[in-house]
Amino acid sequence: MTQTENHSKRKLRVLIADDVQETRRNTRLMISMIPGVEVVAIANNGIQMLQMTKEHHPDIVITDINMPEMDGLTASRELFKIYPDMGCIIMSSEKDITTVRTAMSIGVQEYLIKPFSIDELETAIANVKKRIVEMRQRLAQAAQLSNKSETYLKQLAEEYARTRRTDDQALDVFEQLAANPGCELRWLRTLAMIYIIRQEWGKLKVLAARLEQQTKNIKYP
């Protein structure tokens, strides 16, 4: 069973963020009546929303805009940097077009006007769930392609290192591997030798500094 399938079968995890107790209580009560959805955390402000999201990893955050310490839009923007596949629904007592556009531009998927009904909330959650599933499928596919690409590059690197190739094609392969911060030292050292042979001293200087730093970080038993 794939990770995406696992997500689709388990309950949708929701975090509520609002500084008004009545709104938090009413929203939680409505969610309790929606099948396949559960509230995993409740926050009083944007700072708590950030902290609790990192702790509980909800699928969807339902947040008010105007909250103390940090507003809902700022907190959502920060969360999207960490969790690009997270869903977000904004709650507000006003429908300001500029605010709606700002919310959508940072990745918010739905916008609810207070007071909203359970049907409106359920529809919003269903729409966001669909987008979450699509996003996670795209991210999973991208990760698979990336892994396949890196595996292919390493196969080429093995062959080029064995035959001691230093041409443009070999250089391109080793530089692509080196673009990964976690690149193996042996590929970086091979790339350094290619730079020496090709007399590319500027690139060698930058790579030598990286090699020195990574060598220092190695812990020997």
C-alpha atoms as a PDB file:
ATOM      1  CA  MET A   1       0.000   0.000   0.000  1.00  0.00           C
ATOM      2  CA  THR A   2       1.403   3.410  -0.946  1.00  0.00           C
ATOM      3  CA  GLN A   3       1.784   6.371   1.404  1.00  0.00           C
ATOM      4  CA  THR A   4      -0.914   8.240  -0.525  1.00  0.00           C
ATOM      5  CA  GLU A   5      -3.327   5.316  -0.070  1.00  0.00           C
ATOM      6  CA  ASN A   6      -2.567   5.237   3.651  1.00  0.00           C
ATOM      7  CA  HIS A   7      -3.409   8.926   3.920  1.00  0.00           C
ATOM      8  CA  SER A   8      -6.685   8.442   2.051  1.00  0.00           C
ATOM      9  CA  LYS A   9      -7.859   5.615   4.373  1.00  0.00           C
ATOM     10  CA  ARG A  10      -7.073   7.128   7.768  1.00  0.00           C
ATOM     11  CA  LYS A  11      -8.982   9.990   9.354  1.00  0.00           C
ATOM     12  CA  LEU A  12      -8.199  13.492   8.165  1.00  0.00           C
ATOM     13  CA  ARG A  13      -6.330  15.314  10.941  1.00  0.00           C
ATOM     14  CA  VAL A  14      -7.368  18.923  11.594  1.00  0.00           C
ATOM     15  CA  LEU A  15      -5.933  21.736  13.716  1.00  0.00           C
ATOM     16  CA  ILE A  16      -8.170  24.680  14.684  1.00  0.00           C
ATOM     17  CA  ALA A  17      -6.663  28.099  15.401  1.00  0.00           C
ATOM     18  CA  ASP A  18      -8.770  30.989  16.692  1.00  0.00           C
ATOM     19  CA  ASP A  19      -8.491  33.403  19.613  1.00  0.00           C
ATOM     20  CA  VAL A  20     -12.262  33.288  20.283  1.00  0.00           C
ATOM     21  CA  GLN A  21     -13.254  30.372  22.521  1.00  0.00           C
ATOM     22  CA  GLU A  22     -16.800  30.151  21.134  1.00  0.00           C
ATOM     23  CA  THR A  23     -15.513  29.822  17.559  1.00  0.00           C
ATOM     24  CA  ARG A  24     -13.036  27.131  18.583  1.00  0.00           C
ATOM     25  CA  ARG A  25     -15.772  25.192  20.411  1.00  0.00           C
ATOM     26  CA  ASN A  26     -18.344  25.503  17.627  1.00  0.00           C
ATOM     27  CA  THR A  27     -15.855  24.539  14.906  1.00  0.00           C
ATOM     28  CA  ARG A  28     -14.720  21.512  16.883  1.00  0.00           C
ATOM     29  CA  LEU A  29     -18.334  20.449  17.461  1.00  0.00           C
ATOM     30  CA  MET A  30     -19.118  20.683  13.721  1.00  0.00           C
ATOM     31  CA  ILE A  31     -16.017  18.699  12.797  1.00  0.00           C
ATOM     32  CA  SER A  32     -17.010  15.953  15.263  1.00  0.00           C
ATOM     33  CA  MET A  33     -20.117  15.418  13.117  1.00  0.00           C
ATOM     34  CA  ILE A  34     -18.181  15.085   9.850  1.00  0.00           C
ATOM     35  CA  PRO A  35     -17.236  11.438   9.085  1.00  0.00           C
ATOM     36  CA  GLY A  36     -13.563  10.666   8.590  1.00  0.00           C
ATOM     37  CA  VAL A  37     -12.311  13.884  10.189  1.00  0.00           C
ATOM     38  CA  GLU A  38     -10.819  14.451  13.650  1.00  0.00           C
ATOM     39  CA  VAL A  39      -9.455  17.444  15.555  1.00  0.00           C
ATOM     40  CA  VAL A  40      -5.927  16.772  16.805  1.00  0.00           C
ATOM     41  CA  ALA A  41      -5.068  20.200  18.251  1.00  0.00           C
ATOM     42  CA  ILE A  42      -6.539  23.623  19.053  1.00  0.00           C
ATOM     43  CA  ALA A  43      -4.512  26.843  19.113  1.00  0.00           C
ATOM     44  CA  ASN A  44      -5.342  30.295  20.501  1.00  0.00           C
ATOM     45  CA  ASN A  45      -2.994  32.295  18.258  1.00  0.00           C
ATOM     46  CA  GLY A  46      -0.589  32.085  15.336  1.00  0.00           C
ATOM     47  CA  ILE A  47       2.442  31.200  17.456  1.00  0.00           C
ATOM     48  CA  GLN A  48       0.617  28.252  19.027  1.00  0.00           C
ATOM     49  CA  MET A  49      -0.614  27.274  15.571  1.00  0.00           C
ATOM     50  CA  LEU A  50       2.997  26.971  14.345  1.00  0.00           C
ATOM     51  CA  GLN A  51       4.125  25.025  17.406  1.00  0.00           C
ATOM     52  CA  MET A  52       1.171  22.633  17.434  1.00  0.00           C
ATOM     53  CA  THR A  53       1.392  21.965  13.705  1.00  0.00           C
ATOM     54  CA  LYS A  54       5.008  20.898  14.097  1.00  0.00           C
ATOM     55  CA  GLU A  55       4.019  18.684  17.048  1.00  0.00           C
ATOM     56  CA  HIS A  56       0.800  17.091  15.731  1.00  0.00           C
ATOM     57  CA  HIS A  57       1.309  17.205  11.924  1.00  0.00           C
ATOM     58  CA  PRO A  58      -2.312  17.887  10.896  1.00  0.00           C
ATOM     59  CA  ASP A  59      -3.437  17.460   7.296  1.00  0.00           C
ATOM     60  CA  ILE A  60      -5.479  20.659   7.403  1.00  0.00           C
ATOM     61  CA  VAL A  61      -5.242  23.831   9.473  1.00  0.00           C
ATOM     62  CA  ILE A  62      -8.450  25.841   9.916  1.00  0.00           C
ATOM     63  CA  THR A  63      -7.415  29.280  11.112  1.00  0.00           C
ATOM     64  CA  ASP A  64      -8.824  32.700  11.823  1.00  0.00           C
ATOM     65  CA  ILE A  65      -7.027  35.667  10.255  1.00  0.00           C
ATOM     66  CA  ASN A  66      -6.940  38.173  13.115  1.00  0.00           C
ATOM     67  CA  MET A  67      -5.222  36.618  16.119  1.00  0.00           C
ATOM     68  CA  PRO A  68      -2.807  37.981  18.747  1.00  0.00           C
ATOM     69  CA  GLU A  69       0.976  37.448  18.598  1.00  0.00           C
ATOM     70  CA  MET A  70       0.814  36.259  14.965  1.00  0.00           C
ATOM     71  CA  ASP A  71      -2.057  36.472  12.484  1.00  0.00           C
ATOM     72  CA  GLY A  72      -3.379  33.450  10.579  1.00  0.00           C
ATOM     73  CA  LEU A  73      -1.992  34.471   7.183  1.00  0.00           C
ATOM     74  CA  THR A  74       1.548  34.993   8.490  1.00  0.00           C
ATOM     75  CA  ALA A  75       1.450  31.678  10.365  1.00  0.00           C
ATOM     76  CA  SER A  76       0.087  29.874   7.285  1.00  0.00           C
ATOM     77  CA  ARG A  77       2.812  31.342   5.084  1.00  0.00           C
ATOM     78  CA  GLU A  78       5.463  30.022   7.483  1.00  0.00           C
ATOM     79  CA  LEU A  79       3.860  26.573   7.630  1.00  0.00           C
ATOM     80  CA  PHE A  80       3.688  26.217   3.844  1.00  0.00           C
ATOM     81  CA  LYS A  81       7.486  26.664   3.738  1.00  0.00           C
ATOM     82  CA  ILE A  82       7.849  23.581   5.964  1.00  0.00           C
ATOM     83  CA  TYR A  83       4.808  21.546   4.862  1.00  0.00           C
ATOM     84  CA  PRO A  84       4.021  22.274   1.190  1.00  0.00           C
ATOM     85  CA  ASP A  85       1.434  19.469   1.127  1.00  0.00           C
ATOM     86  CA  MET A  86      -0.570  20.844   4.051  1.00  0.00           C
ATOM     87  CA  GLY A  87      -4.144  22.067   3.552  1.00  0.00           C
ATOM     88  CA  CYS A  88      -5.366  25.395   4.937  1.00  0.00           C
ATOM     89  CA  ILE A  89      -8.811  26.929   5.397  1.00  0.00           C
ATOM     90  CA  ILE A  90      -9.134  30.559   6.466  1.00  0.00           C
ATOM     91  CA  MET A  91     -12.008  31.745   8.673  1.00  0.00           C
ATOM     92  CA  SER A  92     -13.010  35.415   8.787  1.00  0.00           C
ATOM     93  CA  SER A  93     -16.001  37.562   9.716  1.00  0.00           C
ATOM     94  CA  GLU A  94     -15.372  39.710   6.627  1.00  0.00           C
ATOM     95  CA  LYS A  95     -14.861  38.862   2.970  1.00  0.00           C
ATOM     96  CA  ASP A  96     -12.274  41.404   1.886  1.00  0.00           C
ATOM     97  CA  ILE A  97     -11.221  40.730  -1.719  1.00  0.00           C
ATOM     98  CA  THR A  98      -7.644  41.848  -1.095  1.00  0.00           C
ATOM     99  CA  THR A  99      -7.336  39.502   1.894  1.00  0.00           C
ATOM    100  CA  VAL A 100      -8.856  36.626  -0.077  1.00  0.00           C
ATOM    101  CA  ARG A 101      -6.362  37.163  -2.912  1.00  0.00           C
ATOM    102  CA  THR A 102      -3.467  37.342  -0.459  1.00  0.00           C
ATOM    103  CA  ALA A 103      -4.618  34.132   1.212  1.00  0.00           C
ATOM    104  CA  MET A 104      -4.903  32.275  -2.084  1.00  0.00           C
ATOM    105  CA  SER A 105      -1.530  33.583  -3.275  1.00  0.00           C
ATOM    106  CA  ILE A 106       0.283  31.970  -0.327  1.00  0.00           C
ATOM    107  CA  GLY A 107      -1.443  28.608  -0.790  1.00  0.00           C
ATOM    108  CA  VAL A 108      -4.669  28.813   1.240  1.00  0.00           C
ATOM    109  CA  GLN A 109      -7.279  26.646  -0.491  1.00  0.00           C
ATOM    110  CA  GLU A 110     -10.611  27.677   1.057  1.00  0.00           C
ATOM    111  CA  TYR A 111     -12.086  30.797   2.676  1.00  0.00           C
ATOM    112  CA  LEU A 112     -15.065  30.588   5.087  1.00  0.00           C
ATOM    113  CA  ILE A 113     -17.114  33.573   6.237  1.00  0.00           C
ATOM    114  CA  LYS A 114     -18.250  33.473   9.875  1.00  0.00           C
ATOM    115  CA  PRO A 115     -20.724  32.260  10.881  1.00  0.00           C
ATOM    116  CA  PHE A 116     -20.620  29.275   8.563  1.00  0.00           C
ATOM    117  CA  SER A 117     -22.736  26.127   8.542  1.00  0.00           C
ATOM    118  CA  ILE A 118     -21.604  22.536   8.974  1.00  0.00           C
ATOM    119  CA  ASP A 119     -22.419  21.935   5.299  1.00  0.00           C
ATOM    120  CA  GLU A 120     -20.128  24.799   4.236  1.00  0.00           C
ATOM    121  CA  LEU A 121     -17.358  23.488   6.495  1.00  0.00           C
ATOM    122  CA  GLU A 122     -17.754  19.917   5.247  1.00  0.00           C
ATOM    123  CA  THR A 123     -17.627  21.077   1.612  1.00  0.00           C
ATOM    124  CA  ALA A 124     -14.506  23.163   2.277  1.00  0.00           C
ATOM    125  CA  ILE A 125     -12.766  20.239   3.986  1.00  0.00           C
ATOM    126  CA  ALA A 126     -13.702  17.872   1.139  1.00  0.00           C
ATOM    127  CA  ASN A 127     -12.311  20.313  -1.446  1.00  0.00           C
ATOM    128  CA  VAL A 128      -9.065  20.732   0.483  1.00  0.00           C
ATOM    129  CA  LYS A 129      -8.725  16.967   0.983  1.00  0.00           C
ATOM    130  CA  LYS A 130      -8.933  16.445  -2.779  1.00  0.00           C
ATOM    131  CA  ARG A 131      -6.165  18.997  -3.353  1.00  0.00           C
ATOM    132  CA  ILE A 132      -4.005  17.468  -0.609  1.00  0.00           C
ATOM    133  CA  VAL A 133      -4.238  14.024  -2.221  1.00  0.00           C
ATOM    134  CA  GLU A 134      -3.318  15.470  -5.627  1.00  0.00           C
ATOM    135  CA  MET A 135      -0.399  17.435  -4.166  1.00  0.00           C
ATOM    136  CA  ARG A 136       0.987  14.416  -2.293  1.00  0.00           C
ATOM    137  CA  GLN A 137       0.736  12.294  -5.432  1.00  0.00           C
ATOM    138  CA  ARG A 138       2.719  14.901  -7.389  1.00  0.00           C
ATOM    139  CA  LEU A 139       5.343  15.183  -4.645  1.00  0.00           C
ATOM    140  CA  ALA A 140       5.667  11.381  -4.460  1.00  0.00           C
ATOM    141  CA  GLN A 141       6.081  11.138  -8.239  1.00  0.00           C
ATOM    142  CA  ALA A 142       8.672  13.920  -8.211  1.00  0.00           C
ATOM    143  CA  ALA A 143      10.608  12.133  -5.451  1.00  0.00           C
ATOM    144  CA  GLN A 144      10.563   8.882  -7.434  1.00  0.00           C
ATOM    145  CA  LEU A 145      11.846  10.644 -10.553  1.00  0.00           C
ATOM    146  CA  SER A 146      14.549  12.358  -8.510  1.00  0.00           C
ATOM    147  CA  ASN A 147      15.685   9.038  -7.006  1.00  0.00           C
ATOM    148  CA  LYS A 148      15.763   7.398 -10.427  1.00  0.00           C
ATOM    149  CA  SER A 149      17.722  10.319 -11.846  1.00  0.00           C
ATOM    150  CA  GLU A 150      20.309  10.209  -9.059  1.00  0.00           C
ATOM    151  CA  THR A 151      20.680   6.420  -9.409  1.00  0.00           C
ATOM    152  CA  TYR A 152      21.326   6.833 -13.137  1.00  0.00           C
ATOM    153  CA  LEU A 153      23.877   9.591 -12.484  1.00  0.00           C
ATOM    154  CA  LYS A 154      25.739   7.375 -10.021  1.00  0.00           C
ATOM    155  CA  GLN A 155      25.839   4.546 -12.561  1.00  0.00           C
ATOM    156  CA  LEU A 156      27.365   6.917 -15.107  1.00  0.00           C
ATOM    157  CA  ALA A 157      29.771   8.262 -12.494  1.00  0.00           C
ATOM    158  CA  GLU A 158      30.978   4.747 -11.683  1.00  0.00           C
ATOM    159  CA  GLU A 159      31.663   4.111 -15.359  1.00  0.00           C
ATOM    160  CA  TYR A 160      33.317   7.490 -15.976  1.00  0.00           C
ATOM    161  CA  ALA A 161      35.505   7.161 -12.872  1.00  0.00           C
ATOM    162  CA  ARG A 162      36.577   3.651 -13.919  1.00  0.00           C
ATOM    163  CA  THR A 163      37.514   4.810 -17.422  1.00  0.00           C
ATOM    164  CA  ARG A 164      38.959   8.107 -16.097  1.00  0.00           C
ATOM    165  CA  ARG A 165      36.891  10.284 -18.368  1.00  0.00           C
ATOM    166  CA  THR A 166      37.357  14.042 -18.010  1.00  0.00           C
ATOM    167  CA  ASP A 167      35.371  15.304 -21.016  1.00  0.00           C
ATOM    168  CA  ASP A 168      32.399  17.676 -20.889  1.00  0.00           C
ATOM    169  CA  GLN A 169      29.868  14.863 -20.423  1.00  0.00           C
ATOM    170  CA  ALA A 170      31.764  13.418 -17.461  1.00  0.00           C
ATOM    171  CA  LEU A 171      32.166  16.894 -15.983  1.00  0.00           C
ATOM    172  CA  ASP A 172      28.413  17.483 -16.247  1.00  0.00           C
ATOM    173  CA  VAL A 173      27.602  14.191 -14.478  1.00  0.00           C
ATOM    174  CA  PHE A 174      29.933  14.837 -11.541  1.00  0.00           C
ATOM    175  CA  GLU A 175      28.785  18.446 -11.199  1.00  0.00           C
ATOM    176  CA  GLN A 176      25.157  17.293 -11.058  1.00  0.00           C
ATOM    177  CA  LEU A 177      26.063  14.864  -8.281  1.00  0.00           C
ATOM    178  CA  ALA A 178      27.990  17.583  -6.465  1.00  0.00           C
ATOM    179  CA  ALA A 179      24.905  19.825  -6.526  1.00  0.00           C
ATOM    180  CA  ASN A 180      23.458  17.530  -3.855  1.00  0.00           C
ATOM    181  CA  PRO A 181      24.587  18.767  -0.395  1.00  0.00           C
ATOM    182  CA  GLY A 182      24.856  15.130   0.681  1.00  0.00           C
ATOM    183  CA  CYS A 183      27.097  14.120  -2.231  1.00  0.00           C
ATOM    184  CA  GLU A 184      29.613  11.380  -1.402  1.00  0.00           C
ATOM    185  CA  LEU A 185      33.199  12.495  -0.846  1.00  0.00           C
ATOM    186  CA  ARG A 186      34.510  10.160  -3.530  1.00  0.00           C
ATOM    187  CA  TRP A 187      32.493  11.960  -6.221  1.00  0.00           C
ATOM    188  CA  LEU A 188      33.668  15.346  -4.960  1.00  0.00           C
ATOM    189  CA  ARG A 189      37.280  14.155  -5.046  1.00  0.00           C
ATOM    190  CA  THR A 190      36.846  12.805  -8.561  1.00  0.00           C
ATOM    191  CA  LEU A 191      35.371  16.131  -9.620  1.00  0.00           C
ATOM    192  CA  ALA A 192      38.346  17.925  -8.061  1.00  0.00           C
ATOM    193  CA  MET A 193      40.727  15.785 -10.148  1.00  0.00           C
ATOM    194  CA  ILE A 194      38.743  16.633 -13.292  1.00  0.00           C
ATOM    195  CA  TYR A 195      39.042  20.339 -12.477  1.00  0.00           C
ATOM    196  CA  ILE A 196      42.809  19.944 -12.059  1.00  0.00           C
ATOM    197  CA  ILE A 197      43.181  18.122 -15.366  1.00  0.00           C
ATOM    198  CA  ARG A 198      41.001  20.687 -17.137  1.00  0.00           C
ATOM    199  CA  GLN A 199      42.759  23.541 -15.282  1.00  0.00           C
ATOM    200  CA  GLU A 200      39.512  25.010 -14.024  1.00  0.00           C
ATOM    201  CA  TRP A 201      41.115  26.663 -11.021  1.00  0.00           C
ATOM    202  CA  GLY A 202      38.205  28.867  -9.974  1.00  0.00           C
ATOM    203  CA  LYS A 203      35.841  25.920  -9.646  1.00  0.00           C
ATOM    204  CA  LEU A 204      38.557  23.896  -7.927  1.00  0.00           C
ATOM    205  CA  LYS A 205      39.058  26.576  -5.276  1.00  0.00           C
ATOM    206  CA  VAL A 206      35.358  26.528  -4.360  1.00  0.00           C
ATOM    207  CA  LEU A 207      35.234  22.742  -4.332  1.00  0.00           C
ATOM    208  CA  ALA A 208      38.416  22.475  -2.255  1.00  0.00           C
ATOM    209  CA  ALA A 209      36.836  24.609   0.476  1.00  0.00           C
ATOM    210  CA  ARG A 210      33.806  22.323   0.500  1.00  0.00           C
ATOM    211  CA  LEU A 211      35.963  19.213   0.635  1.00  0.00           C
ATOM    212  CA  GLU A 212      37.932  20.608   3.547  1.00  0.00           C
ATOM    213  CA  GLN A 213      34.760  21.404   5.479  1.00  0.00           C
ATOM    214  CA  GLN A 214      33.185  17.990   4.850  1.00  0.00           C
ATOM    215  CA  THR A 215      36.407  16.203   5.787  1.00  0.00           C
ATOM    216  CA  LYS A 216      36.476  18.062   9.119  1.00  0.00           C
ATOM    217  CA  ASN A 217      32.914  16.934   9.847  1.00  0.00           C
ATOM    218  CA  ILE A 218      33.767  13.236   9.445  1.00  0.00           C
ATOM    219  CA  LYS A 219      33.823  11.461  12.819  1.00  0.00           C
ATOM    220  CA  TYR A 220      36.309   8.632  12.976  1.00  0.00           C
ATOM    221  CA  PRO A 221      35.875   5.821  15.543  1.00  0.00           C
END
